[in-house]
Amino acid sequence: MSRKIVTIDGPAGSGKSTVSRLLAERLGVLYLDTGAMYRAVALQAKRLGMEPDEEKEIGRICRDLDIRFQDDGNGLRILLGDEDVSQAIRTPEMDLWASRVSALGEVRAAMVELQRKIGRAGSLVAEGRDMGTVVFPEADYKFFLTAPLEVRAWRRYKERLERGERVSEEEVLAELEKRDTWDRTRSIAPLRPAADAVIIDTSDWSAVEVVEQVLKNMEERGPCGSWD
């Protein structure tokens, strides 16, 4: 059986995390949540009292971090050592920290090396912002999910309300706009679709419908064959 890689990139709130997870389940392969990896780095750096632009210091701790994914049947968890940090990394503060930390050259080099190592081990669906452009440019299938800022902000606003947070839609919109600016203007691996990526506007589709569109596109390019 041959190893295959699907990359799904896109801005925050485009639905790529849910779509990637569902797609990986349908294909029976690993879901590689690279955003969670940068969030874990950011969380550790903040806990150690660092600032998000201290490249040398964060790069040093990044090389020694034990970041792992674990699926116990109740969803994918990310572990920092033996600690489950799945919830701790999902905060608005970590959103911005992760964006800034991921723009640091030493941090990105360490994470890209780890991500490629995971990719060499077997088939996967890799989700992030530079999966198709930098990490896996040789990927078999590349997709870029997008939606207008207002649509993505509304989605994030509803998610945070469901988590019990007290936040206004205006706050979420401003935070997301700031995140977009960081991601698109950073000098290292800025957010952009790969030249050969299929771009999907998710504004009017549910995650399940987007997954069906992705699978349909993959089949149209030829039978997917076996996945290891």
C-alpha atoms as a PDB file:
ATOM      1  CA  MET A   1       0.000   0.000   0.000  1.00  0.00           C
ATOM      2  CA  SER A   2       1.234   3.502  -0.780  1.00  0.00           C
ATOM      3  CA  ARG A   3       1.533   6.439   1.570  1.00  0.00           C
ATOM      4  CA  LYS A   4      -0.666   9.380   0.619  1.00  0.00           C
ATOM      5  CA  ILE A   5      -0.928  12.900   1.984  1.00  0.00           C
ATOM      6  CA  VAL A   6      -3.829  15.349   1.841  1.00  0.00           C
ATOM      7  CA  THR A   7      -3.182  18.953   2.869  1.00  0.00           C
ATOM      8  CA  ILE A   8      -5.909  21.334   3.997  1.00  0.00           C
ATOM      9  CA  ASP A   9      -4.883  24.933   4.573  1.00  0.00           C
ATOM     10  CA  GLY A  10      -6.862  28.072   5.254  1.00  0.00           C
ATOM     11  CA  PRO A  11      -7.430  31.002   7.611  1.00  0.00           C
ATOM     12  CA  ALA A  12      -8.908  30.767  11.099  1.00  0.00           C
ATOM     13  CA  GLY A  13     -12.629  30.026  11.116  1.00  0.00           C
ATOM     14  CA  SER A  14     -12.700  28.538   7.624  1.00  0.00           C
ATOM     15  CA  GLY A  15     -13.722  25.148   9.002  1.00  0.00           C
ATOM     16  CA  LYS A  16     -10.474  23.368   8.142  1.00  0.00           C
ATOM     17  CA  SER A  17     -10.029  21.704  11.552  1.00  0.00           C
ATOM     18  CA  THR A  18     -13.430  20.017  11.555  1.00  0.00           C
ATOM     19  CA  VAL A  19     -13.214  19.140   7.870  1.00  0.00           C
ATOM     20  CA  SER A  20      -9.714  17.679   8.265  1.00  0.00           C
ATOM     21  CA  ARG A  21     -10.737  15.574  11.254  1.00  0.00           C
ATOM     22  CA  LEU A  22     -13.841  14.230   9.501  1.00  0.00           C
ATOM     23  CA  LEU A  23     -11.912  13.554   6.289  1.00  0.00           C
ATOM     24  CA  ALA A  24      -9.203  11.651   8.182  1.00  0.00           C
ATOM     25  CA  GLU A  25     -11.908   9.533   9.812  1.00  0.00           C
ATOM     26  CA  ARG A  26     -13.488   8.767   6.430  1.00  0.00           C
ATOM     27  CA  LEU A  27     -10.126   7.770   4.961  1.00  0.00           C
ATOM     28  CA  GLY A  28      -8.999   5.915   8.076  1.00  0.00           C
ATOM     29  CA  VAL A  29      -5.735   7.843   8.412  1.00  0.00           C
ATOM     30  CA  LEU A  30      -4.022  10.142  10.909  1.00  0.00           C
ATOM     31  CA  TYR A  31      -5.280  13.689  11.371  1.00  0.00           C
ATOM     32  CA  LEU A  32      -2.247  15.963  11.812  1.00  0.00           C
ATOM     33  CA  ASP A  33      -3.355  19.141  13.586  1.00  0.00           C
ATOM     34  CA  THR A  34      -0.282  21.316  13.065  1.00  0.00           C
ATOM     35  CA  GLY A  35      -1.950  24.376  14.540  1.00  0.00           C
ATOM     36  CA  ALA A  36      -2.228  22.531  17.845  1.00  0.00           C
ATOM     37  CA  MET A  37       1.509  21.879  17.726  1.00  0.00           C
ATOM     38  CA  TYR A  38       2.307  25.593  17.472  1.00  0.00           C
ATOM     39  CA  ARG A  39      -0.226  26.316  20.203  1.00  0.00           C
ATOM     40  CA  ALA A  40       1.522  23.834  22.475  1.00  0.00           C
ATOM     41  CA  VAL A  41       4.847  25.567  21.839  1.00  0.00           C
ATOM     42  CA  ALA A  42       3.228  28.932  22.554  1.00  0.00           C
ATOM     43  CA  LEU A  43       1.662  27.651  25.774  1.00  0.00           C
ATOM     44  CA  GLN A  44       4.980  26.346  27.054  1.00  0.00           C
ATOM     45  CA  ALA A  45       6.769  29.581  26.155  1.00  0.00           C
ATOM     46  CA  LYS A  46       4.173  31.660  27.991  1.00  0.00           C
ATOM     47  CA  ARG A  47       4.347  29.403  31.037  1.00  0.00           C
ATOM     48  CA  LEU A  48       8.101  29.981  31.132  1.00  0.00           C
ATOM     49  CA  GLY A  49       7.591  33.749  31.114  1.00  0.00           C
ATOM     50  CA  MET A  50       8.818  34.339  27.577  1.00  0.00           C
ATOM     51  CA  GLU A  51       7.543  36.842  25.042  1.00  0.00           C
ATOM     52  CA  PRO A  52       6.242  35.548  21.672  1.00  0.00           C
ATOM     53  CA  ASP A  53       9.084  37.178  19.716  1.00  0.00           C
ATOM     54  CA  GLU A  54      11.998  35.613  21.659  1.00  0.00           C
ATOM     55  CA  GLU A  55      13.128  33.400  18.785  1.00  0.00           C
ATOM     56  CA  LYS A  56      16.323  31.922  20.232  1.00  0.00           C
ATOM     57  CA  GLU A  57      14.777  31.045  23.586  1.00  0.00           C
ATOM     58  CA  ILE A  58      11.554  29.602  22.168  1.00  0.00           C
ATOM     59  CA  GLY A  59      13.479  27.741  19.471  1.00  0.00           C
ATOM     60  CA  ARG A  60      15.610  26.140  22.176  1.00  0.00           C
ATOM     61  CA  ILE A  61      12.653  24.856  24.202  1.00  0.00           C
ATOM     62  CA  CYS A  62      10.857  23.828  21.014  1.00  0.00           C
ATOM     63  CA  ARG A  63      13.537  21.288  20.137  1.00  0.00           C
ATOM     64  CA  ASP A  64      13.122  19.594  23.501  1.00  0.00           C
ATOM     65  CA  LEU A  65       9.319  19.531  23.702  1.00  0.00           C
ATOM     66  CA  ASP A  66       7.544  16.190  23.755  1.00  0.00           C
ATOM     67  CA  ILE A  67       4.427  16.895  21.659  1.00  0.00           C
ATOM     68  CA  ARG A  68       2.183  13.935  20.883  1.00  0.00           C
ATOM     69  CA  PHE A  69      -1.306  13.226  19.571  1.00  0.00           C
ATOM     70  CA  GLN A  70      -3.549  10.638  21.177  1.00  0.00           C
ATOM     71  CA  ASP A  71      -6.945   9.364  20.087  1.00  0.00           C
ATOM     72  CA  ASP A  72      -8.703   7.414  22.809  1.00  0.00           C
ATOM     73  CA  GLY A  73     -12.004   7.149  20.960  1.00  0.00           C
ATOM     74  CA  ASN A  74     -13.350  10.378  22.443  1.00  0.00           C
ATOM     75  CA  GLY A  75     -11.574  12.703  20.059  1.00  0.00           C
ATOM     76  CA  LEU A  76      -8.016  13.729  19.322  1.00  0.00           C
ATOM     77  CA  ARG A  77      -6.039  15.025  22.307  1.00  0.00           C
ATOM     78  CA  ILE A  78      -2.706  16.806  22.258  1.00  0.00           C
ATOM     79  CA  LEU A  79      -0.224  15.976  24.965  1.00  0.00           C
ATOM     80  CA  LEU A  80       2.653  18.108  26.182  1.00  0.00           C
ATOM     81  CA  GLY A  81       4.731  15.478  27.905  1.00  0.00           C
ATOM     82  CA  ASP A  82       2.125  13.590  29.907  1.00  0.00           C
ATOM     83  CA  GLU A  83      -0.188  16.598  30.256  1.00  0.00           C
ATOM     84  CA  ASP A  84      -3.348  16.887  28.180  1.00  0.00           C
ATOM     85  CA  VAL A  85      -3.309  20.509  26.985  1.00  0.00           C
ATOM     86  CA  SER A  86      -6.162  20.166  24.491  1.00  0.00           C
ATOM     87  CA  GLN A  87      -8.267  22.779  26.287  1.00  0.00           C
ATOM     88  CA  ALA A  88      -5.469  25.034  27.533  1.00  0.00           C
ATOM     89  CA  ILE A  89      -4.285  25.763  23.984  1.00  0.00           C
ATOM     90  CA  ARG A  90      -7.761  26.700  22.706  1.00  0.00           C
ATOM     91  CA  THR A  91      -8.032  30.266  23.963  1.00  0.00           C
ATOM     92  CA  PRO A  92      -8.075  33.621  22.125  1.00  0.00           C
ATOM     93  CA  GLU A  93      -4.730  34.474  23.730  1.00  0.00           C
ATOM     94  CA  MET A  94      -3.170  31.286  22.381  1.00  0.00           C
ATOM     95  CA  ASP A  95      -4.668  32.076  18.962  1.00  0.00           C
ATOM     96  CA  LEU A  96      -2.505  35.186  18.718  1.00  0.00           C
ATOM     97  CA  TRP A  97       0.488  33.655  20.479  1.00  0.00           C
ATOM     98  CA  ALA A  98       0.493  30.689  18.103  1.00  0.00           C
ATOM     99  CA  SER A  99       0.358  32.961  15.067  1.00  0.00           C
ATOM    100  CA  ARG A 100       3.349  34.967  16.271  1.00  0.00           C
ATOM    101  CA  VAL A 101       5.368  31.978  17.466  1.00  0.00           C
ATOM    102  CA  SER A 102       4.797  30.119  14.186  1.00  0.00           C
ATOM    103  CA  ALA A 103       6.439  33.015  12.332  1.00  0.00           C
ATOM    104  CA  LEU A 104       9.750  32.459  14.162  1.00  0.00           C
ATOM    105  CA  GLY A 105      12.294  30.768  11.917  1.00  0.00           C
ATOM    106  CA  GLU A 106      13.817  28.457  14.521  1.00  0.00           C
ATOM    107  CA  VAL A 107      10.415  27.361  15.800  1.00  0.00           C
ATOM    108  CA  ARG A 108       9.076  26.685  12.348  1.00  0.00           C
ATOM    109  CA  ALA A 109      12.174  24.729  11.323  1.00  0.00           C
ATOM    110  CA  ALA A 110      11.811  22.446  14.348  1.00  0.00           C
ATOM    111  CA  MET A 111       8.079  21.921  13.837  1.00  0.00           C
ATOM    112  CA  VAL A 112       8.361  21.331  10.079  1.00  0.00           C
ATOM    113  CA  GLU A 113      11.003  18.683  10.735  1.00  0.00           C
ATOM    114  CA  LEU A 114       8.691  16.948  13.221  1.00  0.00           C
ATOM    115  CA  GLN A 115       5.673  17.218  10.889  1.00  0.00           C
ATOM    116  CA  ARG A 116       7.582  15.702   7.978  1.00  0.00           C
ATOM    117  CA  LYS A 117       8.823  12.911  10.226  1.00  0.00           C
ATOM    118  CA  ILE A 118       5.219  12.098  11.118  1.00  0.00           C
ATOM    119  CA  GLY A 119       4.304  12.237   7.421  1.00  0.00           C
ATOM    120  CA  ARG A 120       7.005   9.725   6.503  1.00  0.00           C
ATOM    121  CA  ALA A 121       5.443   7.226   8.900  1.00  0.00           C
ATOM    122  CA  GLY A 122       2.168   6.839   6.986  1.00  0.00           C
ATOM    123  CA  SER A 123      -0.795   8.415   5.241  1.00  0.00           C
ATOM    124  CA  LEU A 124      -2.395  11.469   6.813  1.00  0.00           C
ATOM    125  CA  VAL A 125      -4.562  14.541   6.453  1.00  0.00           C
ATOM    126  CA  ALA A 126      -2.430  17.552   7.413  1.00  0.00           C
ATOM    127  CA  GLU A 127      -4.208  20.723   8.454  1.00  0.00           C
ATOM    128  CA  GLY A 128      -2.598  24.124   8.874  1.00  0.00           C
ATOM    129  CA  ARG A 129      -1.562  27.234   7.017  1.00  0.00           C
ATOM    130  CA  ASP A 130       1.461  26.145   4.996  1.00  0.00           C
ATOM    131  CA  MET A 131       0.944  22.408   4.593  1.00  0.00           C
ATOM    132  CA  GLY A 132       0.618  22.498   0.813  1.00  0.00           C
ATOM    133  CA  THR A 133       3.144  25.273   0.223  1.00  0.00           C
ATOM    134  CA  VAL A 134       6.010  24.416   2.590  1.00  0.00           C
ATOM    135  CA  VAL A 135       5.654  21.278   4.699  1.00  0.00           C
ATOM    136  CA  PHE A 136       4.280  18.822   2.129  1.00  0.00           C
ATOM    137  CA  PRO A 137       4.714  20.455  -1.305  1.00  0.00           C
ATOM    138  CA  GLU A 138       4.661  16.941  -2.825  1.00  0.00           C
ATOM    139  CA  ALA A 139       1.245  16.115  -1.290  1.00  0.00           C
ATOM    140  CA  ASP A 140      -1.090  13.979  -3.410  1.00  0.00           C
ATOM    141  CA  TYR A 141      -4.094  16.253  -2.824  1.00  0.00           C
ATOM    142  CA  LYS A 142      -4.118  19.899  -1.755  1.00  0.00           C
ATOM    143  CA  PHE A 143      -7.080  21.998  -0.636  1.00  0.00           C
ATOM    144  CA  PHE A 144      -7.450  25.540   0.636  1.00  0.00           C
ATOM    145  CA  LEU A 145     -10.622  26.402   2.556  1.00  0.00           C
ATOM    146  CA  THR A 146     -11.759  29.982   2.869  1.00  0.00           C
ATOM    147  CA  ALA A 147     -14.739  32.219   3.691  1.00  0.00           C
ATOM    148  CA  PRO A 148     -15.265  35.965   4.160  1.00  0.00           C
ATOM    149  CA  LEU A 149     -13.990  37.428   7.438  1.00  0.00           C
ATOM    150  CA  GLU A 150     -17.514  38.153   8.695  1.00  0.00           C
ATOM    151  CA  VAL A 151     -18.610  34.552   8.132  1.00  0.00           C
ATOM    152  CA  ARG A 152     -15.575  33.150   9.894  1.00  0.00           C
ATOM    153  CA  ALA A 153     -15.949  35.577  12.804  1.00  0.00           C
ATOM    154  CA  TRP A 154     -19.601  34.580  13.268  1.00  0.00           C
ATOM    155  CA  ARG A 155     -18.599  30.920  13.422  1.00  0.00           C
ATOM    156  CA  ARG A 156     -15.929  31.610  16.028  1.00  0.00           C
ATOM    157  CA  TYR A 157     -18.331  33.770  18.006  1.00  0.00           C
ATOM    158  CA  LYS A 158     -20.879  30.945  18.191  1.00  0.00           C
ATOM    159  CA  GLU A 159     -18.178  28.423  19.148  1.00  0.00           C
ATOM    160  CA  ARG A 160     -17.021  30.573  22.021  1.00  0.00           C
ATOM    161  CA  LEU A 161     -20.536  31.173  23.265  1.00  0.00           C
ATOM    162  CA  GLU A 162     -21.103  27.407  23.254  1.00  0.00           C
ATOM    163  CA  ARG A 163     -17.976  27.030  25.399  1.00  0.00           C
ATOM    164  CA  GLY A 164     -19.540  29.379  27.926  1.00  0.00           C
ATOM    165  CA  GLU A 165     -17.355  32.395  27.179  1.00  0.00           C
ATOM    166  CA  ARG A 166     -18.659  35.929  27.560  1.00  0.00           C
ATOM    167  CA  VAL A 167     -17.541  37.759  24.442  1.00  0.00           C
ATOM    168  CA  SER A 168     -19.025  40.126  21.875  1.00  0.00           C
ATOM    169  CA  GLU A 169     -19.177  39.493  18.161  1.00  0.00           C
ATOM    170  CA  GLU A 170     -17.190  42.702  17.633  1.00  0.00           C
ATOM    171  CA  GLU A 171     -14.363  41.418  19.840  1.00  0.00           C
ATOM    172  CA  VAL A 172     -14.163  38.158  17.927  1.00  0.00           C
ATOM    173  CA  LEU A 173     -14.148  39.991  14.596  1.00  0.00           C
ATOM    174  CA  ALA A 174     -11.282  42.248  15.721  1.00  0.00           C
ATOM    175  CA  GLU A 175      -9.259  39.298  17.060  1.00  0.00           C
ATOM    176  CA  LEU A 176      -9.739  37.313  13.868  1.00  0.00           C
ATOM    177  CA  GLU A 177      -8.813  40.270  11.685  1.00  0.00           C
ATOM    178  CA  LYS A 178      -5.608  40.686  13.701  1.00  0.00           C
ATOM    179  CA  ARG A 179      -4.853  36.977  13.339  1.00  0.00           C
ATOM    180  CA  ASP A 180      -5.394  37.165   9.573  1.00  0.00           C
ATOM    181  CA  THR A 181      -2.962  40.068   9.301  1.00  0.00           C
ATOM    182  CA  TRP A 182      -0.281  38.196  11.240  1.00  0.00           C
ATOM    183  CA  ASP A 183      -0.719  35.051   9.164  1.00  0.00           C
ATOM    184  CA  ARG A 184      -0.755  36.721   5.758  1.00  0.00           C
ATOM    185  CA  THR A 185       2.061  39.232   6.250  1.00  0.00           C
ATOM    186  CA  ARG A 186       4.646  37.203   8.137  1.00  0.00           C
ATOM    187  CA  SER A 187       7.940  36.848   6.287  1.00  0.00           C
ATOM    188  CA  ILE A 188       8.215  33.076   6.816  1.00  0.00           C
ATOM    189  CA  ALA A 189       5.604  30.791   5.207  1.00  0.00           C
ATOM    190  CA  PRO A 190       2.758  33.331   4.965  1.00  0.00           C
ATOM    191  CA  LEU A 191      -0.792  32.067   4.602  1.00  0.00           C
ATOM    192  CA  ARG A 192      -1.606  31.519   0.929  1.00  0.00           C
ATOM    193  CA  PRO A 193      -2.990  28.694  -1.200  1.00  0.00           C
ATOM    194  CA  ALA A 194      -0.551  26.435  -3.003  1.00  0.00           C
ATOM    195  CA  ALA A 195      -0.490  27.007  -6.755  1.00  0.00           C
ATOM    196  CA  ASP A 196      -2.009  23.557  -7.320  1.00  0.00           C
ATOM    197  CA  ALA A 197      -4.510  23.642  -4.438  1.00  0.00           C
ATOM    198  CA  VAL A 198      -8.262  23.375  -4.956  1.00  0.00           C
ATOM    199  CA  ILE A 199      -9.881  26.414  -3.324  1.00  0.00           C
ATOM    200  CA  ILE A 200     -13.231  25.844  -1.605  1.00  0.00           C
ATOM    201  CA  ASP A 201     -15.407  28.625  -0.196  1.00  0.00           C
ATOM    202  CA  THR A 202     -17.103  27.074   2.834  1.00  0.00           C
ATOM    203  CA  SER A 203     -19.515  29.962   3.482  1.00  0.00           C
ATOM    204  CA  ASP A 204     -22.702  28.091   2.595  1.00  0.00           C
ATOM    205  CA  TRP A 205     -21.692  24.505   3.373  1.00  0.00           C
ATOM    206  CA  SER A 206     -21.586  22.436   6.516  1.00  0.00           C
ATOM    207  CA  ALA A 207     -18.389  20.583   7.412  1.00  0.00           C
ATOM    208  CA  VAL A 208     -19.909  17.308   6.217  1.00  0.00           C
ATOM    209  CA  GLU A 209     -20.812  18.884   2.866  1.00  0.00           C
ATOM    210  CA  VAL A 210     -17.273  20.228   2.471  1.00  0.00           C
ATOM    211  CA  VAL A 211     -15.852  16.766   3.170  1.00  0.00           C
ATOM    212  CA  GLU A 212     -18.089  15.347   0.436  1.00  0.00           C
ATOM    213  CA  GLN A 213     -16.816  17.985  -1.986  1.00  0.00           C
ATOM    214  CA  VAL A 214     -13.216  17.145  -1.095  1.00  0.00           C
ATOM    215  CA  LEU A 215     -13.786  13.416  -1.584  1.00  0.00           C
ATOM    216  CA  LYS A 216     -15.596  14.047  -4.871  1.00  0.00           C
ATOM    217  CA  ASN A 217     -12.678  16.125  -6.142  1.00  0.00           C
ATOM    218  CA  MET A 218     -10.208  13.432  -5.122  1.00  0.00           C
ATOM    219  CA  GLU A 219     -12.177  10.739  -6.936  1.00  0.00           C
ATOM    220  CA  GLU A 220     -12.501  12.893 -10.055  1.00  0.00           C
ATOM    221  CA  ARG A 221      -8.725  12.970 -10.302  1.00  0.00           C
ATOM    222  CA  GLY A 222      -8.622   9.178 -10.296  1.00  0.00           C
ATOM    223  CA  PRO A 223      -9.301   6.327  -7.841  1.00  0.00           C
ATOM    224  CA  CYS A 224      -7.625   7.054  -4.509  1.00  0.00           C
ATOM    225  CA  GLY A 225      -6.449   3.471  -4.192  1.00  0.00           C
ATOM    226  CA  SER A 226      -5.113   2.021  -0.964  1.00  0.00           C
ATOM    227  CA  TRP A 227      -4.116   4.080   2.051  1.00  0.00           C
ATOM    228  CA  ASP A 228      -1.658   2.689   4.576  1.00  0.00           C
END
